[in-house]
Structures are given as structure tokens and as C-alpha cells.
Amino acid sequence: GQESTSVLLVWTMILLSRHQNWQQRAREEVLQVFGNHK
């Protein structure tokens, strides 16, 4: 779990930085579902 998950997270951040429209959509969805809650 450790190495594979940390690599997956890094790669996800790279892809989101390359495709910022999807980054914005993902952020809006998270805020819509959770707002300021845990």
C-alpha cells in the first residue's frame, strides 16, 4: 500500500495540474458534497 499509493497520489496531482479544467470540476464537486464538513 505505501509506495504504490504515494506514487498514485503524485501522478494524480500531475494529471490534475495538466488538465486544470478537471481540477476545477473535481474541486467544485467536493465542495458541493461536503462543504466545510469532514
PDB file of all heavy atoms in Angstrom:
ATOM      1  N   GLY A   1       0.760  -1.233   0.000  1.00  0.00           N
ATOM      2  CA  GLY A   1       0.000   0.000   0.000  1.00  0.00           C
ATOM      3  C   GLY A   1       0.792   1.285   0.000  1.00  0.00           C
ATOM      4  O   GLY A   1       0.354   2.276  -0.583  1.00  0.00           O
ATOM      5  N   GLN A   2       1.958   1.301   0.645  1.00  0.00           N
ATOM      6  CA  GLN A   2       2.629   2.576   0.878  1.00  0.00           C
ATOM      7  C   GLN A   2       3.158   3.208  -0.398  1.00  0.00           C
ATOM      8  O   GLN A   2       2.724   4.276  -0.819  1.00  0.00           O
ATOM      9  CB  GLN A   2       3.762   2.390   1.899  1.00  0.00           C
ATOM     10  CG  GLN A   2       4.270   3.691   2.481  1.00  0.00           C
ATOM     11  CD  GLN A   2       5.250   4.393   1.571  1.00  0.00           C
ATOM     12  OE1 GLN A   2       6.000   3.748   0.841  1.00  0.00           O
ATOM     13  NE2 GLN A   2       5.237   5.715   1.593  1.00  0.00           N
ATOM     14  N   GLU A   3       4.106   2.542  -1.050  1.00  0.00           N
ATOM     15  CA  GLU A   3       4.757   3.129  -2.224  1.00  0.00           C
ATOM     16  C   GLU A   3       3.788   3.300  -3.380  1.00  0.00           C
ATOM     17  O   GLU A   3       3.761   4.342  -4.039  1.00  0.00           O
ATOM     18  CB  GLU A   3       5.944   2.256  -2.642  1.00  0.00           C
ATOM     19  CG  GLU A   3       6.878   2.919  -3.635  1.00  0.00           C
ATOM     20  CD  GLU A   3       7.775   3.966  -3.001  1.00  0.00           C
ATOM     21  OE1 GLU A   3       7.795   4.063  -1.763  1.00  0.00           O
ATOM     22  OE2 GLU A   3       8.462   4.688  -3.748  1.00  0.00           O
ATOM     23  N   SER A   4       2.955   2.277  -3.609  1.00  0.00           N
ATOM     24  CA  SER A   4       2.024   2.342  -4.741  1.00  0.00           C
ATOM     25  C   SER A   4       1.024   3.484  -4.573  1.00  0.00           C
ATOM     26  O   SER A   4       0.701   4.195  -5.537  1.00  0.00           O
ATOM     27  CB  SER A   4       1.280   1.006  -4.899  1.00  0.00           C
ATOM     28  OG  SER A   4       0.590   0.680  -3.706  1.00  0.00           O
ATOM     29  N   THR A   5       0.545   3.697  -3.338  1.00  0.00           N
ATOM     30  CA  THR A   5      -0.446   4.750  -3.103  1.00  0.00           C
ATOM     31  C   THR A   5       0.171   6.135  -3.202  1.00  0.00           C
ATOM     32  O   THR A   5      -0.430   7.061  -3.779  1.00  0.00           O
ATOM     33  CB  THR A   5      -1.100   4.570  -1.721  1.00  0.00           C
ATOM     34  OG1 THR A   5      -1.615   3.239  -1.612  1.00  0.00           O
ATOM     35  CG2 THR A   5      -2.237   5.555  -1.536  1.00  0.00           C
ATOM     36  N   SER A   6       1.368   6.320  -2.655  1.00  0.00           N
ATOM     37  CA  SER A   6       2.018   7.633  -2.733  1.00  0.00           C
ATOM     38  C   SER A   6       2.346   7.994  -4.182  1.00  0.00           C
ATOM     39  O   SER A   6       2.191   9.149  -4.593  1.00  0.00           O
ATOM     40  CB  SER A   6       3.285   7.660  -1.873  1.00  0.00           C
ATOM     41  OG  SER A   6       4.181   6.635  -2.225  1.00  0.00           O
ATOM     42  N   VAL A   7       2.762   7.010  -4.982  1.00  0.00           N
ATOM     43  CA  VAL A   7       3.027   7.255  -6.403  1.00  0.00           C
ATOM     44  C   VAL A   7       1.729   7.612  -7.128  1.00  0.00           C
ATOM     45  O   VAL A   7       1.694   8.517  -7.970  1.00  0.00           O
ATOM     46  CB  VAL A   7       3.690   6.017  -7.053  1.00  0.00           C
ATOM     47  CG1 VAL A   7       3.730   6.157  -8.571  1.00  0.00           C
ATOM     48  CG2 VAL A   7       5.102   5.817  -6.515  1.00  0.00           C
ATOM     49  N   LEU A   8       0.649   6.900  -6.794  1.00  0.00           N
ATOM     50  CA  LEU A   8      -0.652   7.186  -7.407  1.00  0.00           C
ATOM     51  C   LEU A   8      -1.098   8.615  -7.104  1.00  0.00           C
ATOM     52  O   LEU A   8      -1.608   9.321  -7.976  1.00  0.00           O
ATOM     53  CB  LEU A   8      -1.695   6.188  -6.901  1.00  0.00           C
ATOM     54  CG  LEU A   8      -3.136   6.421  -7.342  1.00  0.00           C
ATOM     55  CD1 LEU A   8      -3.263   6.289  -8.851  1.00  0.00           C
ATOM     56  CD2 LEU A   8      -4.080   5.451  -6.647  1.00  0.00           C
ATOM     57  N   LEU A   9      -0.886   9.067  -5.867  1.00  0.00           N
ATOM     58  CA  LEU A   9      -1.270  10.429  -5.479  1.00  0.00           C
ATOM     59  C   LEU A   9      -0.456  11.477  -6.230  1.00  0.00           C
ATOM     60  O   LEU A   9      -0.998  12.493  -6.682  1.00  0.00           O
ATOM     61  CB  LEU A   9      -1.099  10.603  -3.966  1.00  0.00           C
ATOM     62  CG  LEU A   9      -2.108   9.859  -3.084  1.00  0.00           C
ATOM     63  CD1 LEU A   9      -1.702   9.931  -1.622  1.00  0.00           C
ATOM     64  CD2 LEU A   9      -3.514  10.420  -3.278  1.00  0.00           C
ATOM     65  N   VAL A  10       0.845  11.237  -6.361  1.00  0.00           N
ATOM     66  CA  VAL A  10       1.696  12.167  -7.111  1.00  0.00           C
ATOM     67  C   VAL A  10       1.233  12.248  -8.561  1.00  0.00           C
ATOM     68  O   VAL A  10       1.112  13.332  -9.139  1.00  0.00           O
ATOM     69  CB  VAL A  10       3.178  11.740  -7.051  1.00  0.00           C
ATOM     70  CG1 VAL A  10       4.010  12.544  -8.040  1.00  0.00           C
ATOM     71  CG2 VAL A  10       3.736  11.949  -5.653  1.00  0.00           C
ATOM     72  N   TRP A  11       0.985  11.089  -9.155  1.00  0.00           N
ATOM     73  CA  TRP A  11       0.573  11.056 -10.556  1.00  0.00           C
ATOM     74  C   TRP A  11      -0.781  11.741 -10.741  1.00  0.00           C
ATOM     75  O   TRP A  11      -1.007  12.439 -11.733  1.00  0.00           O
ATOM     76  CB  TRP A  11       0.516   9.612 -11.040  1.00  0.00           C
ATOM     77  CG  TRP A  11       0.204   9.447 -12.497  1.00  0.00           C
ATOM     78  CD1 TRP A  11      -0.826   8.761 -13.042  1.00  0.00           C
ATOM     79  CD2 TRP A  11       0.936  10.002 -13.607  1.00  0.00           C
ATOM     80  NE1 TRP A  11      -0.792   8.848 -14.417  1.00  0.00           N
ATOM     81  CE2 TRP A  11       0.282   9.600 -14.788  1.00  0.00           C
ATOM     82  CE3 TRP A  11       2.078  10.788 -13.701  1.00  0.00           C
ATOM     83  CZ2 TRP A  11       0.723   9.957 -16.043  1.00  0.00           C
ATOM     84  CZ3 TRP A  11       2.518  11.153 -14.970  1.00  0.00           C
ATOM     85  CH2 TRP A  11       1.851  10.737 -16.118  1.00  0.00           C
ATOM     86  N   THR A  12      -1.683  11.567  -9.770  1.00  0.00           N
ATOM     87  CA  THR A  12      -2.982  12.240  -9.825  1.00  0.00           C
ATOM     88  C   THR A  12      -2.809  13.756  -9.798  1.00  0.00           C
ATOM     89  O   THR A  12      -3.459  14.486 -10.563  1.00  0.00           O
ATOM     90  CB  THR A  12      -3.858  11.808  -8.631  1.00  0.00           C
ATOM     91  OG1 THR A  12      -4.041  10.390  -8.673  1.00  0.00           O
ATOM     92  CG2 THR A  12      -5.221  12.490  -8.678  1.00  0.00           C
ATOM     93  N   MET A  13      -1.906  14.240  -8.953  1.00  0.00           N
ATOM     94  CA  MET A  13      -1.661  15.679  -8.870  1.00  0.00           C
ATOM     95  C   MET A  13      -1.055  16.213 -10.171  1.00  0.00           C
ATOM     96  O   MET A  13      -1.380  17.319 -10.618  1.00  0.00           O
ATOM     97  CB  MET A  13      -0.733  15.977  -7.690  1.00  0.00           C
ATOM     98  CG  MET A  13      -1.380  15.690  -6.339  1.00  0.00           C
ATOM     99  SD  MET A  13      -0.271  16.010  -4.947  1.00  0.00           S
ATOM    100  CE  MET A  13      -0.273  17.803  -4.938  1.00  0.00           C
ATOM    101  N   ILE A  14      -0.199  15.428 -10.781  1.00  0.00           N
ATOM    102  CA  ILE A  14       0.399  15.833 -12.063  1.00  0.00           C
ATOM    103  C   ILE A  14      -0.681  15.957 -13.138  1.00  0.00           C
ATOM    104  O   ILE A  14      -0.745  16.942 -13.881  1.00  0.00           O
ATOM    105  CB  ILE A  14       1.483  14.832 -12.505  1.00  0.00           C
ATOM    106  CG1 ILE A  14       2.697  14.928 -11.581  1.00  0.00           C
ATOM    107  CG2 ILE A  14       1.906  15.081 -13.951  1.00  0.00           C
ATOM    108  CD1 ILE A  14       3.738  13.848 -11.817  1.00  0.00           C
ATOM    109  N   LEU A  15      -1.550  14.948 -13.209  1.00  0.00           N
ATOM    110  CA  LEU A  15      -2.611  14.967 -14.221  1.00  0.00           C
ATOM    111  C   LEU A  15      -3.578  16.124 -13.986  1.00  0.00           C
ATOM    112  O   LEU A  15      -4.033  16.769 -14.939  1.00  0.00           O
ATOM    113  CB  LEU A  15      -3.357  13.634 -14.219  1.00  0.00           C
ATOM    114  CG  LEU A  15      -2.570  12.413 -14.717  1.00  0.00           C
ATOM    115  CD1 LEU A  15      -3.424  11.155 -14.616  1.00  0.00           C
ATOM    116  CD2 LEU A  15      -2.114  12.621 -16.160  1.00  0.00           C
ATOM    117  N   LEU A  16      -3.907  16.395 -12.726  1.00  0.00           N
ATOM    118  CA  LEU A  16      -4.813  17.500 -12.429  1.00  0.00           C
ATOM    119  C   LEU A  16      -4.179  18.851 -12.768  1.00  0.00           C
ATOM    120  O   LEU A  16      -4.872  19.774 -13.204  1.00  0.00           O
ATOM    121  CB  LEU A  16      -5.212  17.471 -10.948  1.00  0.00           C
ATOM    122  CG  LEU A  16      -6.191  16.368 -10.538  1.00  0.00           C
ATOM    123  CD1 LEU A  16      -6.392  16.354  -9.026  1.00  0.00           C
ATOM    124  CD2 LEU A  16      -7.528  16.523 -11.249  1.00  0.00           C
ATOM    125  N   SER A  17      -2.847  18.944 -12.579  1.00  0.00           N
ATOM    126  CA  SER A  17      -2.171  20.203 -12.928  1.00  0.00           C
ATOM    127  C   SER A  17      -2.099  20.398 -14.446  1.00  0.00           C
ATOM    128  O   SER A  17      -2.094  21.525 -14.934  1.00  0.00           O
ATOM    129  CB  SER A  17      -0.761  20.218 -12.335  1.00  0.00           C
ATOM    130  OG  SER A  17       0.060  19.240 -12.937  1.00  0.00           O
ATOM    131  N   ARG A  18      -2.068  19.286 -15.186  1.00  0.00           N
ATOM    132  CA  ARG A  18      -2.032  19.366 -16.645  1.00  0.00           C
ATOM    133  C   ARG A  18      -3.414  19.623 -17.228  1.00  0.00           C
ATOM    134  O   ARG A  18      -3.544  20.168 -18.313  1.00  0.00           O
ATOM    135  CB  ARG A  18      -1.443  18.072 -17.227  1.00  0.00           C
ATOM    136  CG  ARG A  18       0.038  17.892 -16.936  1.00  0.00           C
ATOM    137  CD  ARG A  18       0.546  16.562 -17.464  1.00  0.00           C
ATOM    138  NE  ARG A  18       0.401  16.450 -18.919  1.00  0.00           N
ATOM    139  CZ  ARG A  18       0.771  15.378 -19.622  1.00  0.00           C
ATOM    140  NH1 ARG A  18       1.294  14.334 -19.005  1.00  0.00           N
ATOM    141  NH2 ARG A  18       0.611  15.360 -20.922  1.00  0.00           N
ATOM    142  N   HIS A  19      -4.443  19.179 -16.524  1.00  0.00           N
ATOM    143  CA  HIS A  19      -5.819  19.332 -17.009  1.00  0.00           C
ATOM    144  C   HIS A  19      -6.607  20.097 -15.947  1.00  0.00           C
ATOM    145  O   HIS A  19      -7.404  19.528 -15.199  1.00  0.00           O
ATOM    146  CB  HIS A  19      -6.441  17.961 -17.276  1.00  0.00           C
ATOM    147  CG  HIS A  19      -5.637  17.107 -18.213  1.00  0.00           C
ATOM    148  ND1 HIS A  19      -5.656  17.288 -19.577  1.00  0.00           N
ATOM    149  CD2 HIS A  19      -4.773  16.099 -17.981  1.00  0.00           C
ATOM    150  CE1 HIS A  19      -4.846  16.404 -20.147  1.00  0.00           C
ATOM    151  NE2 HIS A  19      -4.288  15.676 -19.203  1.00  0.00           N
ATOM    152  N   GLN A  20      -6.389  21.405 -15.925  1.00  0.00           N
ATOM    153  CA  GLN A  20      -6.930  22.211 -14.839  1.00  0.00           C
ATOM    154  C   GLN A  20      -8.439  22.359 -14.894  1.00  0.00           C
ATOM    155  O   GLN A  20      -9.070  22.684 -13.886  1.00  0.00           O
ATOM    156  CB  GLN A  20      -6.240  23.575 -14.836  1.00  0.00           C
ATOM    157  CG  GLN A  20      -4.758  23.467 -14.509  1.00  0.00           C
ATOM    158  CD  GLN A  20      -4.108  24.815 -14.269  1.00  0.00           C
ATOM    159  OE1 GLN A  20      -4.773  25.803 -14.006  1.00  0.00           O
ATOM    160  NE2 GLN A  20      -2.778  24.847 -14.370  1.00  0.00           N
ATOM    161  N   ASN A  21      -9.030  22.104 -16.042  1.00  0.00           N
ATOM    162  CA  ASN A  21     -10.492  22.134 -16.109  1.00  0.00           C
ATOM    163  C   ASN A  21     -11.083  20.996 -15.265  1.00  0.00           C
ATOM    164  O   ASN A  21     -12.085  21.168 -14.562  1.00  0.00           O
ATOM    165  CB  ASN A  21     -10.983  22.029 -17.561  1.00  0.00           C
ATOM    166  CG  ASN A  21     -10.479  20.783 -18.262  1.00  0.00           C
ATOM    167  OD1 ASN A  21      -9.333  20.363 -18.040  1.00  0.00           O
ATOM    168  ND2 ASN A  21     -11.293  20.198 -19.122  1.00  0.00           N
ATOM    169  N   TRP A  22     -10.447  19.834 -15.305  1.00  0.00           N
ATOM    170  CA  TRP A  22     -10.892  18.705 -14.480  1.00  0.00           C
ATOM    171  C   TRP A  22     -10.582  18.959 -13.002  1.00  0.00           C
ATOM    172  O   TRP A  22     -11.333  18.542 -12.120  1.00  0.00           O
ATOM    173  CB  TRP A  22     -10.237  17.406 -14.940  1.00  0.00           C
ATOM    174  CG  TRP A  22     -10.869  16.850 -16.176  1.00  0.00           C
ATOM    175  CD1 TRP A  22     -10.423  16.962 -17.451  1.00  0.00           C
ATOM    176  CD2 TRP A  22     -12.079  16.107 -16.238  1.00  0.00           C
ATOM    177  NE1 TRP A  22     -11.286  16.335 -18.321  1.00  0.00           N
ATOM    178  CE2 TRP A  22     -12.314  15.795 -17.592  1.00  0.00           C
ATOM    179  CE3 TRP A  22     -13.014  15.677 -15.291  1.00  0.00           C
ATOM    180  CZ2 TRP A  22     -13.425  15.080 -18.021  1.00  0.00           C
ATOM    181  CZ3 TRP A  22     -14.121  14.957 -15.701  1.00  0.00           C
ATOM    182  CH2 TRP A  22     -14.330  14.667 -17.059  1.00  0.00           C
ATOM    183  N   GLN A  23      -9.478  19.669 -12.750  1.00  0.00           N
ATOM    184  CA  GLN A  23      -9.140  20.028 -11.370  1.00  0.00           C
ATOM    185  C   GLN A  23     -10.243  20.900 -10.772  1.00  0.00           C
ATOM    186  O   GLN A  23     -10.678  20.683  -9.632  1.00  0.00           O
ATOM    187  CB  GLN A  23      -7.798  20.771 -11.342  1.00  0.00           C
ATOM    188  CG  GLN A  23      -7.361  21.208  -9.966  1.00  0.00           C
ATOM    189  CD  GLN A  23      -6.082  22.022 -10.014  1.00  0.00           C
ATOM    190  OE1 GLN A  23      -5.877  22.896  -9.164  1.00  0.00           O
ATOM    191  NE2 GLN A  23      -5.215  21.773 -10.991  1.00  0.00           N
ATOM    192  N   GLN A  24     -10.694  21.869 -11.563  1.00  0.00           N
ATOM    193  CA  GLN A  24     -11.743  22.774 -11.102  1.00  0.00           C
ATOM    194  C   GLN A  24     -13.055  22.033 -10.889  1.00  0.00           C
ATOM    195  O   GLN A  24     -13.758  22.238  -9.881  1.00  0.00           O
ATOM    196  CB  GLN A  24     -11.944  23.907 -12.118  1.00  0.00           C
ATOM    197  CG  GLN A  24     -12.977  24.947 -11.706  1.00  0.00           C
ATOM    198  CD  GLN A  24     -12.620  25.662 -10.424  1.00  0.00           C
ATOM    199  OE1 GLN A  24     -11.433  25.817 -10.096  1.00  0.00           O
ATOM    200  NE2 GLN A  24     -13.635  26.075  -9.672  1.00  0.00           N
ATOM    201  N   ARG A  25     -13.398  21.121 -11.795  1.00  0.00           N
ATOM    202  CA  ARG A  25     -14.640  20.352 -11.675  1.00  0.00           C
ATOM    203  C   ARG A  25     -14.619  19.456 -10.440  1.00  0.00           C
ATOM    204  O   ARG A  25     -15.618  19.325  -9.721  1.00  0.00           O
ATOM    205  CB  ARG A  25     -14.871  19.521 -12.931  1.00  0.00           C
ATOM    206  CG  ARG A  25     -15.206  20.345 -14.161  1.00  0.00           C
ATOM    207  CD  ARG A  25     -15.305  19.466 -15.397  1.00  0.00           C
ATOM    208  NE  ARG A  25     -16.401  18.506 -15.309  1.00  0.00           N
ATOM    209  CZ  ARG A  25     -16.668  17.576 -16.235  1.00  0.00           C
ATOM    210  NH1 ARG A  25     -15.899  17.506 -17.313  1.00  0.00           N
ATOM    211  NH2 ARG A  25     -17.679  16.752 -16.077  1.00  0.00           N
ATOM    212  N   ALA A  26     -13.446  18.834 -10.185  1.00  0.00           N
ATOM    213  CA  ALA A  26     -13.312  17.971  -9.015  1.00  0.00           C
ATOM    214  C   ALA A  26     -13.452  18.783  -7.728  1.00  0.00           C
ATOM    215  O   ALA A  26     -14.120  18.358  -6.775  1.00  0.00           O
ATOM    216  CB  ALA A  26     -11.959  17.255  -9.042  1.00  0.00           C
ATOM    217  N   ARG A  27     -12.835  19.986  -7.693  1.00  0.00           N
ATOM    218  CA  ARG A  27     -12.910  20.843  -6.506  1.00  0.00           C
ATOM    219  C   ARG A  27     -14.358  21.264  -6.247  1.00  0.00           C
ATOM    220  O   ARG A  27     -14.829  21.241  -5.105  1.00  0.00           O
ATOM    221  CB  ARG A  27     -12.015  22.068  -6.698  1.00  0.00           C
ATOM    222  CG  ARG A  27     -11.982  22.985  -5.469  1.00  0.00           C
ATOM    223  CD  ARG A  27     -11.112  24.204  -5.698  1.00  0.00           C
ATOM    224  NE  ARG A  27      -9.703  23.842  -5.831  1.00  0.00           N
ATOM    225  CZ  ARG A  27      -9.019  23.889  -6.960  1.00  0.00           C
ATOM    226  NH1 ARG A  27      -9.618  24.277  -8.091  1.00  0.00           N
ATOM    227  NH2 ARG A  27      -7.747  23.554  -7.002  1.00  0.00           N
ATOM    228  N   GLU A  28     -15.063  21.652  -7.304  1.00  0.00           N
ATOM    229  CA  GLU A  28     -16.453  22.078  -7.152  1.00  0.00           C
ATOM    230  C   GLU A  28     -17.326  20.931  -6.639  1.00  0.00           C
ATOM    231  O   GLU A  28     -18.221  21.141  -5.810  1.00  0.00           O
ATOM    232  CB  GLU A  28     -16.987  22.593  -8.490  1.00  0.00           C
ATOM    233  CG  GLU A  28     -16.376  23.924  -8.918  1.00  0.00           C
ATOM    234  CD  GLU A  28     -16.781  24.329 -10.326  1.00  0.00           C
ATOM    235  OE1 GLU A  28     -17.467  23.513 -11.002  1.00  0.00           O
ATOM    236  OE2 GLU A  28     -16.414  25.444 -10.760  1.00  0.00           O
ATOM    237  N   GLU A  29     -17.074  19.728  -7.126  1.00  0.00           N
ATOM    238  CA  GLU A  29     -17.862  18.574  -6.687  1.00  0.00           C
ATOM    239  C   GLU A  29     -17.642  18.293  -5.206  1.00  0.00           C
ATOM    240  O   GLU A  29     -18.588  18.042  -4.456  1.00  0.00           O
ATOM    241  CB  GLU A  29     -17.490  17.341  -7.511  1.00  0.00           C
ATOM    242  CG  GLU A  29     -18.302  16.101  -7.117  1.00  0.00           C
ATOM    243  CD  GLU A  29     -17.822  14.848  -7.838  1.00  0.00           C
ATOM    244  OE1 GLU A  29     -16.596  14.565  -7.782  1.00  0.00           O
ATOM    245  OE2 GLU A  29     -18.655  14.150  -8.434  1.00  0.00           O
ATOM    246  N   VAL A  30     -16.383  18.338  -4.760  1.00  0.00           N
ATOM    247  CA  VAL A  30     -16.058  18.079  -3.349  1.00  0.00           C
ATOM    248  C   VAL A  30     -16.734  19.119  -2.459  1.00  0.00           C
ATOM    249  O   VAL A  30     -17.326  18.788  -1.415  1.00  0.00           O
ATOM    250  CB  VAL A  30     -14.528  18.091  -3.128  1.00  0.00           C
ATOM    251  CG1 VAL A  30     -14.206  18.075  -1.642  1.00  0.00           C
ATOM    252  CG2 VAL A  30     -13.888  16.881  -3.807  1.00  0.00           C
ATOM    253  N   LEU A  31     -16.679  20.389  -2.857  1.00  0.00           N
ATOM    254  CA  LEU A  31     -17.304  21.452  -2.070  1.00  0.00           C
ATOM    255  C   LEU A  31     -18.824  21.305  -2.053  1.00  0.00           C
ATOM    256  O   LEU A  31     -19.478  21.589  -1.045  1.00  0.00           O
ATOM    257  CB  LEU A  31     -16.911  22.824  -2.639  1.00  0.00           C
ATOM    258  CG  LEU A  31     -15.442  23.225  -2.442  1.00  0.00           C
ATOM    259  CD1 LEU A  31     -15.136  24.505  -3.203  1.00  0.00           C
ATOM    260  CD2 LEU A  31     -15.121  23.399  -0.954  1.00  0.00           C
ATOM    261  N   GLN A  32     -19.382  20.844  -3.163  1.00  0.00           N
ATOM    262  CA  GLN A  32     -20.831  20.659  -3.241  1.00  0.00           C
ATOM    263  C   GLN A  32     -21.291  19.529  -2.312  1.00  0.00           C
ATOM    264  O   GLN A  32     -22.327  19.640  -1.661  1.00  0.00           O
ATOM    265  CB  GLN A  32     -21.244  20.356  -4.684  1.00  0.00           C
ATOM    266  CG  GLN A  32     -22.750  20.175  -4.866  1.00  0.00           C
ATOM    267  CD  GLN A  32     -23.114  19.814  -6.303  1.00  0.00           C
ATOM    268  OE1 GLN A  32     -22.236  19.677  -7.150  1.00  0.00           O
ATOM    269  NE2 GLN A  32     -24.400  19.654  -6.567  1.00  0.00           N
ATOM    270  N   VAL A  33     -20.525  18.443  -2.267  1.00  0.00           N
ATOM    271  CA  VAL A  33     -20.919  17.279  -1.470  1.00  0.00           C
ATOM    272  C   VAL A  33     -20.645  17.498   0.015  1.00  0.00           C
ATOM    273  O   VAL A  33     -21.487  17.188   0.876  1.00  0.00           O
ATOM    274  CB  VAL A  33     -20.186  16.012  -1.963  1.00  0.00           C
ATOM    275  CG1 VAL A  33     -20.462  14.838  -1.026  1.00  0.00           C
ATOM    276  CG2 VAL A  33     -20.630  15.666  -3.375  1.00  0.00           C
ATOM    277  N   PHE A  34     -19.486  18.066   0.356  1.00  0.00           N
ATOM    278  CA  PHE A  34     -19.091  18.159   1.759  1.00  0.00           C
ATOM    279  C   PHE A  34     -19.164  19.575   2.335  1.00  0.00           C
ATOM    280  O   PHE A  34     -19.291  19.742   3.556  1.00  0.00           O
ATOM    281  CB  PHE A  34     -17.656  17.634   1.936  1.00  0.00           C
ATOM    282  CG  PHE A  34     -17.509  16.182   1.624  1.00  0.00           C
ATOM    283  CD1 PHE A  34     -16.792  15.776   0.506  1.00  0.00           C
ATOM    284  CD2 PHE A  34     -18.094  15.211   2.421  1.00  0.00           C
ATOM    285  CE1 PHE A  34     -16.639  14.437   0.205  1.00  0.00           C
ATOM    286  CE2 PHE A  34     -17.950  13.867   2.128  1.00  0.00           C
ATOM    287  CZ  PHE A  34     -17.224  13.467   1.012  1.00  0.00           C
ATOM    288  N   GLY A  35     -19.036  20.596   1.481  1.00  0.00           N
ATOM    289  CA  GLY A  35     -18.994  21.950   2.009  1.00  0.00           C
ATOM    290  C   GLY A  35     -17.798  22.119   2.923  1.00  0.00           C
ATOM    291  O   GLY A  35     -16.675  21.792   2.553  1.00  0.00           O
ATOM    292  N   ASN A  36     -18.047  22.597   4.145  1.00  0.00           N
ATOM    293  CA  ASN A  36     -16.971  22.751   5.129  1.00  0.00           C
ATOM    294  C   ASN A  36     -16.953  21.622   6.160  1.00  0.00           C
ATOM    295  O   ASN A  36     -16.296  21.731   7.195  1.00  0.00           O
ATOM    296  CB  ASN A  36     -17.114  24.102   5.854  1.00  0.00           C
ATOM    297  CG  ASN A  36     -16.899  25.269   4.911  1.00  0.00           C
ATOM    298  OD1 ASN A  36     -16.034  25.225   4.034  1.00  0.00           O
ATOM    299  ND2 ASN A  36     -17.709  26.314   5.065  1.00  0.00           N
ATOM    300  N   HIS A  37     -17.679  20.549   5.870  1.00  0.00           N
ATOM    301  CA  HIS A  37     -17.765  19.434   6.817  1.00  0.00           C
ATOM    302  C   HIS A  37     -16.668  18.390   6.541  1.00  0.00           C
ATOM    303  O   HIS A  37     -16.101  18.336   5.452  1.00  0.00           O
ATOM    304  CB  HIS A  37     -19.141  18.768   6.729  1.00  0.00           C
ATOM    305  CG  HIS A  37     -20.273  19.702   7.006  1.00  0.00           C
ATOM    306  ND1 HIS A  37     -20.524  20.218   8.252  1.00  0.00           N
ATOM    307  CD2 HIS A  37     -21.228  20.234   6.174  1.00  0.00           C
ATOM    308  CE1 HIS A  37     -21.576  21.019   8.204  1.00  0.00           C
ATOM    309  NE2 HIS A  37     -22.026  21.042   6.941  1.00  0.00           N
ATOM    310  N   LYS A  38     -16.447  17.541   7.531  1.00  0.00           N
ATOM    311  CA  LYS A  38     -15.463  16.470   7.373  1.00  0.00           C
ATOM    312  C   LYS A  38     -15.965  15.440   6.354  1.00  0.00           C
ATOM    313  O   LYS A  38     -17.164  15.138   6.319  1.00  0.00           O
ATOM    314  CB  LYS A  38     -15.218  15.758   8.709  1.00  0.00           C
ATOM    315  CG  LYS A  38     -14.490  16.594   9.753  1.00  0.00           C
ATOM    316  CD  LYS A  38     -14.273  15.758  11.018  1.00  0.00           C
ATOM    317  CE  LYS A  38     -13.542  16.570  12.077  1.00  0.00           C
ATOM    318  NZ  LYS A  38     -13.338  15.767  13.316  1.00  0.00           N
TER     319      LYS A  38
END
